[in-house]
Amino acid sequence: KIRMDPSSPSAMASLVARRAEFDILTGNDADA
């Protein structure tokens, strides 16, 4: 399912894929 859960490796997969581009990345849910 589409779910904006920043604690989920599956929902955050696109961000994890870019981890080498930054020193640190962060994601937030819909109301942060």
Full PDB file with SEQRES, HELIX, SHEET, SSBOND, CRYST1, ORIGX, SCALE, CONECT and MASTER records, all heavy atoms in Angstrom:
SEQRES   1 A   32  LYS ILE ARG MET ASP PRO SER SER PRO SER ALA MET ALA          
SEQRES   2 A   32  SER LEU VAL ALA ARG ARG ALA GLU PHE ASP ILE LEU THR          
SEQRES   3 A   32  GLY ASN ASP ALA ASP ALA                                      
HELIX    1 AA1 ALA A   13  VAL A   16  1                                   4    
HELIX    2 AA2 ARG A   19  GLU A   21  5                                   3    
CRYST1    1.000    1.000    1.000  90.00  90.00  90.00 P 1           1          
ORIGX1      1.000000  0.000000  0.000000        0.00000                         
ORIGX2      0.000000  1.000000  0.000000        0.00000                         
ORIGX3      0.000000  0.000000  1.000000        0.00000                         
SCALE1      1.000000  0.000000  0.000000        0.00000                         
SCALE2      0.000000  1.000000  0.000000        0.00000                         
SCALE3      0.000000  0.000000  1.000000        0.00000                         
ATOM      1  N   LYS A   1       0.847  -1.190   0.000  1.00  0.00           N  
ATOM      2  CA  LYS A   1       0.000   0.000   0.000  1.00  0.00           C  
ATOM      3  C   LYS A   1       0.887   1.246   0.000  1.00  0.00           C  
ATOM      4  O   LYS A   1       2.030   1.211   0.430  1.00  0.00           O  
ATOM      5  CB  LYS A   1      -0.913   0.029   1.233  1.00  0.00           C  
ATOM      6  CG  LYS A   1      -1.981  -1.060   1.237  1.00  0.00           C  
ATOM      7  CD  LYS A   1      -2.888  -0.903   2.456  1.00  0.00           C  
ATOM      8  CE  LYS A   1      -3.986  -1.948   2.455  1.00  0.00           C  
ATOM      9  NZ  LYS A   1      -4.895  -1.799   3.638  1.00  0.00           N  
ATOM     10  N   ILE A   2       0.325   2.345  -0.501  1.00  0.00           N  
ATOM     11  CA  ILE A   2       1.028   3.618  -0.410  1.00  0.00           C  
ATOM     12  C   ILE A   2       0.821   4.157   0.994  1.00  0.00           C  
ATOM     13  O   ILE A   2      -0.300   4.368   1.436  1.00  0.00           O  
ATOM     14  CB  ILE A   2       0.495   4.625  -1.457  1.00  0.00           C  
ATOM     15  CG1 ILE A   2       0.781   4.120  -2.879  1.00  0.00           C  
ATOM     16  CG2 ILE A   2       1.133   5.993  -1.243  1.00  0.00           C  
ATOM     17  CD1 ILE A   2       0.193   5.010  -3.961  1.00  0.00           C  
ATOM     18  N   ARG A   3       1.925   4.330   1.684  1.00  0.00           N  
ATOM     19  CA  ARG A   3       1.858   4.820   3.054  1.00  0.00           C  
ATOM     20  C   ARG A   3       3.116   5.626   3.321  1.00  0.00           C  
ATOM     21  O   ARG A   3       4.219   5.153   3.076  1.00  0.00           O  
ATOM     22  CB  ARG A   3       1.746   3.652   4.036  1.00  0.00           C  
ATOM     23  CG  ARG A   3       1.513   4.064   5.468  1.00  0.00           C  
ATOM     24  CD  ARG A   3       1.430   2.853   6.397  1.00  0.00           C  
ATOM     25  NE  ARG A   3       0.198   2.086   6.206  1.00  0.00           N  
ATOM     26  CZ  ARG A   3       0.141   0.882   5.659  1.00  0.00           C  
ATOM     27  NH1 ARG A   3       1.256   0.302   5.224  1.00  0.00           N  
ATOM     28  NH2 ARG A   3      -1.009   0.253   5.533  1.00  0.00           N  
ATOM     29  N   MET A   4       2.967   6.853   3.831  1.00  0.00           N  
ATOM     30  CA  MET A   4       4.105   7.753   3.993  1.00  0.00           C  
ATOM     31  C   MET A   4       4.747   7.574   5.365  1.00  0.00           C  
ATOM     32  O   MET A   4       4.799   8.493   6.184  1.00  0.00           O  
ATOM     33  CB  MET A   4       3.665   9.201   3.769  1.00  0.00           C  
ATOM     34  CG  MET A   4       3.252   9.488   2.328  1.00  0.00           C  
ATOM     35  SD  MET A   4       1.788   8.580   1.743  1.00  0.00           S  
ATOM     36  CE  MET A   4       0.489   9.323   2.711  1.00  0.00           C  
ATOM     37  N   ASP A   5       5.256   6.366   5.602  1.00  0.00           N  
ATOM     38  CA  ASP A   5       5.832   6.024   6.888  1.00  0.00           C  
ATOM     39  C   ASP A   5       7.358   6.093   6.804  1.00  0.00           C  
ATOM     40  O   ASP A   5       7.993   5.204   6.230  1.00  0.00           O  
ATOM     41  CB  ASP A   5       5.394   4.622   7.290  1.00  0.00           C  
ATOM     42  CG  ASP A   5       5.903   4.218   8.664  1.00  0.00           C  
ATOM     43  OD1 ASP A   5       6.656   5.012   9.279  1.00  0.00           O  
ATOM     44  OD2 ASP A   5       5.567   3.114   9.122  1.00  0.00           O  
ATOM     45  N   PRO A   6       7.978   7.129   7.381  1.00  0.00           N  
ATOM     46  CA  PRO A   6       9.434   7.279   7.251  1.00  0.00           C  
ATOM     47  C   PRO A   6      10.236   6.277   8.066  1.00  0.00           C  
ATOM     48  O   PRO A   6      11.461   6.240   7.964  1.00  0.00           O  
ATOM     49  CB  PRO A   6       9.679   8.714   7.738  1.00  0.00           C  
ATOM     50  CG  PRO A   6       8.552   8.996   8.667  1.00  0.00           C  
ATOM     51  CD  PRO A   6       7.368   8.261   8.111  1.00  0.00           C  
ATOM     52  N   SER A   7       9.561   5.451   8.882  1.00  0.00           N  
ATOM     53  CA  SER A   7      10.270   4.409   9.616  1.00  0.00           C  
ATOM     54  C   SER A   7      10.290   3.089   8.850  1.00  0.00           C  
ATOM     55  O   SER A   7      10.910   2.120   9.299  1.00  0.00           O  
ATOM     56  CB  SER A   7       9.629   4.197  10.993  1.00  0.00           C  
ATOM     57  OG  SER A   7       8.324   3.642  10.858  1.00  0.00           O  
ATOM     58  N   SER A   8       9.623   3.040   7.696  1.00  0.00           N  
ATOM     59  CA  SER A   8       9.516   1.814   6.908  1.00  0.00           C  
ATOM     60  C   SER A   8      10.577   1.767   5.816  1.00  0.00           C  
ATOM     61  O   SER A   8      10.627   2.655   4.958  1.00  0.00           O  
ATOM     62  CB  SER A   8       8.125   1.720   6.272  1.00  0.00           C  
ATOM     63  OG  SER A   8       8.109   0.741   5.257  1.00  0.00           O  
ATOM     64  N   PRO A   9      11.428   0.755   5.800  1.00  0.00           N  
ATOM     65  CA  PRO A   9      12.423   0.627   4.726  1.00  0.00           C  
ATOM     66  C   PRO A   9      11.784   0.563   3.343  1.00  0.00           C  
ATOM     67  O   PRO A   9      12.369   1.047   2.361  1.00  0.00           O  
ATOM     68  CB  PRO A   9      13.141  -0.679   5.063  1.00  0.00           C  
ATOM     69  CG  PRO A   9      12.925  -0.870   6.531  1.00  0.00           C  
ATOM     70  CD  PRO A   9      11.561  -0.322   6.803  1.00  0.00           C  
ATOM     71  N   SER A  10      10.598  -0.008   3.251  1.00  0.00           N  
ATOM     72  CA  SER A  10       9.924  -0.116   1.950  1.00  0.00           C  
ATOM     73  C   SER A  10       9.429   1.243   1.472  1.00  0.00           C  
ATOM     74  O   SER A  10       9.614   1.623   0.314  1.00  0.00           O  
ATOM     75  CB  SER A  10       8.760  -1.110   2.035  1.00  0.00           C  
ATOM     76  OG  SER A  10       9.209  -2.403   2.354  1.00  0.00           O  
ATOM     77  N   ALA A  11       8.770   1.994   2.369  1.00  0.00           N  
ATOM     78  CA  ALA A  11       8.265   3.315   2.002  1.00  0.00           C  
ATOM     79  C   ALA A  11       9.403   4.304   1.747  1.00  0.00           C  
ATOM     80  O   ALA A  11       9.248   5.264   0.979  1.00  0.00           O  
ATOM     81  CB  ALA A  11       7.348   3.853   3.100  1.00  0.00           C  
ATOM     82  N   MET A  12      10.546   4.070   2.362  1.00  0.00           N  
ATOM     83  CA  MET A  12      11.699   4.958   2.228  1.00  0.00           C  
ATOM     84  C   MET A  12      12.721   4.431   1.223  1.00  0.00           C  
ATOM     85  O   MET A  12      13.851   4.928   1.156  1.00  0.00           O  
ATOM     86  CB  MET A  12      12.365   5.134   3.593  1.00  0.00           C  
ATOM     87  CG  MET A  12      11.558   5.919   4.601  1.00  0.00           C  
ATOM     88  SD  MET A  12      11.726   7.701   4.388  1.00  0.00           S  
ATOM     89  CE  MET A  12      13.320   7.965   5.172  1.00  0.00           C  
ATOM     90  N   ALA A  13      12.348   3.457   0.405  1.00  0.00           N  
ATOM     91  CA  ALA A  13      13.310   2.803  -0.489  1.00  0.00           C  
ATOM     92  C   ALA A  13      13.984   3.783  -1.441  1.00  0.00           C  
ATOM     93  O   ALA A  13      15.185   3.672  -1.725  1.00  0.00           O  
ATOM     94  CB  ALA A  13      12.618   1.691  -1.279  1.00  0.00           C  
ATOM     95  N   SER A  14      13.231   4.754  -1.959  1.00  0.00           N  
ATOM     96  CA  SER A  14      13.825   5.702  -2.910  1.00  0.00           C  
ATOM     97  C   SER A  14      14.865   6.585  -2.236  1.00  0.00           C  
ATOM     98  O   SER A  14      15.844   7.007  -2.864  1.00  0.00           O  
ATOM     99  CB  SER A  14      12.739   6.571  -3.557  1.00  0.00           C  
ATOM    100  OG  SER A  14      12.060   7.351  -2.582  1.00  0.00           O  
ATOM    101  N   LEU A  15      14.667   6.868  -0.957  1.00  0.00           N  
ATOM    102  CA  LEU A  15      15.623   7.688  -0.221  1.00  0.00           C  
ATOM    103  C   LEU A  15      16.865   6.866   0.138  1.00  0.00           C  
ATOM    104  O   LEU A  15      17.991   7.355   0.049  1.00  0.00           O  
ATOM    105  CB  LEU A  15      14.962   8.243   1.044  1.00  0.00           C  
ATOM    106  CG  LEU A  15      15.463   9.594   1.560  1.00  0.00           C  
ATOM    107  CD1 LEU A  15      15.316  10.659   0.485  1.00  0.00           C  
ATOM    108  CD2 LEU A  15      14.722  10.007   2.815  1.00  0.00           C  
ATOM    109  N   VAL A  16      16.660   5.625   0.528  1.00  0.00           N  
ATOM    110  CA  VAL A  16      17.788   4.744   0.840  1.00  0.00           C  
ATOM    111  C   VAL A  16      18.673   4.557  -0.390  1.00  0.00           C  
ATOM    112  O   VAL A  16      19.903   4.497  -0.288  1.00  0.00           O  
ATOM    113  CB  VAL A  16      17.283   3.383   1.372  1.00  0.00           C  
ATOM    114  CG1 VAL A  16      18.440   2.409   1.546  1.00  0.00           C  
ATOM    115  CG2 VAL A  16      16.539   3.559   2.691  1.00  0.00           C  
ATOM    116  N   ALA A  17      18.048   4.515  -1.570  1.00  0.00           N  
ATOM    117  CA  ALA A  17      18.802   4.324  -2.808  1.00  0.00           C  
ATOM    118  C   ALA A  17      19.729   5.498  -3.098  1.00  0.00           C  
ATOM    119  O   ALA A  17      20.696   5.359  -3.861  1.00  0.00           O  
ATOM    120  CB  ALA A  17      17.834   4.114  -3.975  1.00  0.00           C  
ATOM    121  N   ARG A  18      19.469   6.662  -2.497  1.00  0.00           N  
ATOM    122  CA  ARG A  18      20.283   7.850  -2.742  1.00  0.00           C  
ATOM    123  C   ARG A  18      21.222   8.160  -1.579  1.00  0.00           C  
ATOM    124  O   ARG A  18      21.785   9.257  -1.491  1.00  0.00           O  
ATOM    125  CB  ARG A  18      19.364   9.056  -2.998  1.00  0.00           C  
ATOM    126  CG  ARG A  18      18.423   8.886  -4.183  1.00  0.00           C  
ATOM    127  CD  ARG A  18      17.654  10.140  -4.489  1.00  0.00           C  
ATOM    128  NE  ARG A  18      18.545  11.238  -4.879  1.00  0.00           N  
ATOM    129  CZ  ARG A  18      18.101  12.436  -5.284  1.00  0.00           C  
ATOM    130  NH1 ARG A  18      16.807  12.674  -5.347  1.00  0.00           N  
ATOM    131  NH2 ARG A  18      18.954  13.385  -5.601  1.00  0.00           N  
ATOM    132  N   ARG A  19      21.436   7.227  -0.693  1.00  0.00           N  
ATOM    133  CA  ARG A  19      22.167   7.515   0.530  1.00  0.00           C  
ATOM    134  C   ARG A  19      23.624   7.900   0.296  1.00  0.00           C  
ATOM    135  O   ARG A  19      24.223   8.595   1.128  1.00  0.00           O  
ATOM    136  CB  ARG A  19      22.097   6.312   1.476  1.00  0.00           C  
ATOM    137  CG  ARG A  19      22.782   5.048   0.976  1.00  0.00           C  
ATOM    138  CD  ARG A  19      22.442   3.902   1.898  1.00  0.00           C  
ATOM    139  NE  ARG A  19      23.283   2.732   1.664  1.00  0.00           N  
ATOM    140  CZ  ARG A  19      23.162   1.597   2.330  1.00  0.00           C  
ATOM    141  NH1 ARG A  19      22.228   1.489   3.258  1.00  0.00           N  
ATOM    142  NH2 ARG A  19      23.950   0.593   2.082  1.00  0.00           N  
ATOM    143  N   ALA A  20      24.199   7.497  -0.820  1.00  0.00           N  
ATOM    144  CA  ALA A  20      25.600   7.844  -1.097  1.00  0.00           C  
ATOM    145  C   ALA A  20      25.755   9.297  -1.555  1.00  0.00           C  
ATOM    146  O   ALA A  20      26.876   9.822  -1.589  1.00  0.00           O  
ATOM    147  CB  ALA A  20      26.178   6.906  -2.147  1.00  0.00           C  
ATOM    148  N   GLU A  21      24.647   9.955  -1.888  1.00  0.00           N  
ATOM    149  CA  GLU A  21      24.721  11.320  -2.424  1.00  0.00           C  
ATOM    150  C   GLU A  21      24.807  12.380  -1.320  1.00  0.00           C  
ATOM    151  O   GLU A  21      25.136  13.539  -1.604  1.00  0.00           O  
ATOM    152  CB  GLU A  21      23.490  11.612  -3.290  1.00  0.00           C  
ATOM    153  CG  GLU A  21      23.324  10.691  -4.489  1.00  0.00           C  
ATOM    154  CD  GLU A  21      22.040  10.990  -5.250  1.00  0.00           C  
ATOM    155  OE1 GLU A  21      21.620  12.162  -5.274  1.00  0.00           O  
ATOM    156  OE2 GLU A  21      21.453  10.033  -5.794  1.00  0.00           O  
ATOM    157  N   PHE A  22      24.507  12.011  -0.077  1.00  0.00           N  
ATOM    158  CA  PHE A  22      24.444  12.987   1.005  1.00  0.00           C  
ATOM    159  C   PHE A  22      25.128  12.435   2.256  1.00  0.00           C  
ATOM    160  O   PHE A  22      25.316  11.226   2.399  1.00  0.00           O  
ATOM    161  CB  PHE A  22      22.985  13.334   1.335  1.00  0.00           C  
ATOM    162  CG  PHE A  22      22.215  13.931   0.186  1.00  0.00           C  
ATOM    163  CD1 PHE A  22      21.510  13.123  -0.707  1.00  0.00           C  
ATOM    164  CD2 PHE A  22      22.200  15.299  -0.016  1.00  0.00           C  
ATOM    165  CE1 PHE A  22      20.804  13.670  -1.771  1.00  0.00           C  
ATOM    166  CE2 PHE A  22      21.505  15.864  -1.070  1.00  0.00           C  
ATOM    167  CZ  PHE A  22      20.807  15.045  -1.956  1.00  0.00           C  
ATOM    168  N   ASP A  23      25.480  13.340   3.166  1.00  0.00           N  
ATOM    169  CA  ASP A  23      26.007  12.906   4.453  1.00  0.00           C  
ATOM    170  C   ASP A  23      24.891  12.369   5.342  1.00  0.00           C  
ATOM    171  O   ASP A  23      25.110  11.483   6.170  1.00  0.00           O  
ATOM    172  CB  ASP A  23      26.700  14.080   5.164  1.00  0.00           C  
ATOM    173  CG  ASP A  23      27.906  14.593   4.392  1.00  0.00           C  
ATOM    174  OD1 ASP A  23      28.660  13.757   3.847  1.00  0.00           O  
ATOM    175  OD2 ASP A  23      28.080  15.821   4.305  1.00  0.00           O  
ATOM    176  N   ILE A  24      23.697  12.934   5.174  1.00  0.00           N  
ATOM    177  CA  ILE A  24      22.537  12.490   5.933  1.00  0.00           C  
ATOM    178  C   ILE A  24      21.280  12.869   5.163  1.00  0.00           C  
ATOM    179  O   ILE A  24      21.241  13.909   4.502  1.00  0.00           O  
ATOM    180  CB  ILE A  24      22.522  13.116   7.348  1.00  0.00           C  
ATOM    181  CG1 ILE A  24      21.427  12.479   8.217  1.00  0.00           C  
ATOM    182  CG2 ILE A  24      22.359  14.628   7.278  1.00  0.00           C  
ATOM    183  CD1 ILE A  24      21.518  12.880   9.689  1.00  0.00           C  
ATOM    184  N   LEU A  25      20.302  11.996   5.197  1.00  0.00           N  
ATOM    185  CA  LEU A  25      19.008  12.279   4.584  1.00  0.00           C  
ATOM    186  C   LEU A  25      17.926  12.092   5.633  1.00  0.00           C  
ATOM    187  O   LEU A  25      18.078  11.310   6.574  1.00  0.00           O  
ATOM    188  CB  LEU A  25      18.714  11.350   3.403  1.00  0.00           C  
ATOM    189  CG  LEU A  25      19.620  11.441   2.188  1.00  0.00           C  
ATOM    190  CD1 LEU A  25      20.617  10.294   2.203  1.00  0.00           C  
ATOM    191  CD2 LEU A  25      18.801  11.393   0.895  1.00  0.00           C  
ATOM    192  N   THR A  26      16.829  12.812   5.448  1.00  0.00           N  
ATOM    193  CA  THR A  26      15.705  12.660   6.372  1.00  0.00           C  
ATOM    194  C   THR A  26      14.395  12.647   5.591  1.00  0.00           C  
ATOM    195  O   THR A  26      14.289  13.262   4.529  1.00  0.00           O  
ATOM    196  CB  THR A  26      15.690  13.784   7.420  1.00  0.00           C  
ATOM    197  OG1 THR A  26      14.617  13.548   8.353  1.00  0.00           O  
ATOM    198  CG2 THR A  26      15.493  15.147   6.780  1.00  0.00           C  
ATOM    199  N   GLY A  27      13.456  11.908   6.096  1.00  0.00           N  
ATOM    200  CA  GLY A  27      12.112  11.874   5.507  1.00  0.00           C  
ATOM    201  C   GLY A  27      11.089  12.142   6.585  1.00  0.00           C  
ATOM    202  O   GLY A  27      11.315  11.864   7.771  1.00  0.00           O  
ATOM    203  N   ASN A  28       9.950  12.716   6.200  1.00  0.00           N  
ATOM    204  CA  ASN A  28       8.867  13.002   7.147  1.00  0.00           C  
ATOM    205  C   ASN A  28       7.560  12.415   6.638  1.00  0.00           C  
ATOM    206  O   ASN A  28       7.380  12.256   5.432  1.00  0.00           O  
ATOM    207  CB  ASN A  28       8.666  14.513   7.323  1.00  0.00           C  
ATOM    208  CG  ASN A  28       9.854  15.200   7.942  1.00  0.00           C  
ATOM    209  OD1 ASN A  28      10.533  15.977   7.291  1.00  0.00           O  
ATOM    210  ND2 ASN A  28      10.118  14.919   9.201  1.00  0.00           N  
ATOM    211  N   ASP A  29       6.644  12.122   7.555  1.00  0.00           N  
ATOM    212  CA  ASP A  29       5.309  11.731   7.132  1.00  0.00           C  
ATOM    213  C   ASP A  29       4.534  12.979   6.720  1.00  0.00           C  
ATOM    214  O   ASP A  29       5.069  14.087   6.692  1.00  0.00           O  
ATOM    215  CB  ASP A  29       4.598  10.942   8.225  1.00  0.00           C  
ATOM    216  CG  ASP A  29       4.306  11.778   9.462  1.00  0.00           C  
ATOM    217  OD1 ASP A  29       4.951  12.827   9.635  1.00  0.00           O  
ATOM    218  OD2 ASP A  29       3.440  11.375  10.263  1.00  0.00           O  
ATOM    219  N   ALA A  30       3.249  12.811   6.380  1.00  0.00           N  
ATOM    220  CA  ALA A  30       2.495  13.895   5.737  1.00  0.00           C  
ATOM    221  C   ALA A  30       2.329  15.128   6.611  1.00  0.00           C  
ATOM    222  O   ALA A  30       2.249  16.245   6.100  1.00  0.00           O  
ATOM    223  CB  ALA A  30       1.125  13.384   5.297  1.00  0.00           C  
ATOM    224  N   ASP A  31       2.279  14.967   7.938  1.00  0.00           N  
ATOM    225  CA  ASP A  31       2.160  16.152   8.806  1.00  0.00           C  
ATOM    226  C   ASP A  31       3.443  16.421   9.575  1.00  0.00           C  
ATOM    227  O   ASP A  31       3.467  17.269  10.465  1.00  0.00           O  
ATOM    228  CB  ASP A  31       0.967  16.023   9.752  1.00  0.00           C  
ATOM    229  CG  ASP A  31       1.168  14.937  10.809  1.00  0.00           C  
ATOM    230  OD1 ASP A  31       1.676  13.862  10.451  1.00  0.00           O  
ATOM    231  OD2 ASP A  31       0.814  15.156  11.983  1.00  0.00           O  
ATOM    232  N   ALA A  32       4.504  15.699   9.238  1.00  0.00           N  
ATOM    233  CA  ALA A  32       5.865  15.956   9.733  1.00  0.00           C  
ATOM    234  C   ALA A  32       6.033  15.789  11.236  1.00  0.00           C  
ATOM    235  O   ALA A  32       6.883  16.430  11.843  1.00  0.00           O  
ATOM    236  CB  ALA A  32       6.334  17.346   9.300  1.00  0.00           C  
TER     237      ALA A  32                                                      
MASTER        0    0    0    2    0    0    0    6  236    1    0    3          
END                                                                             
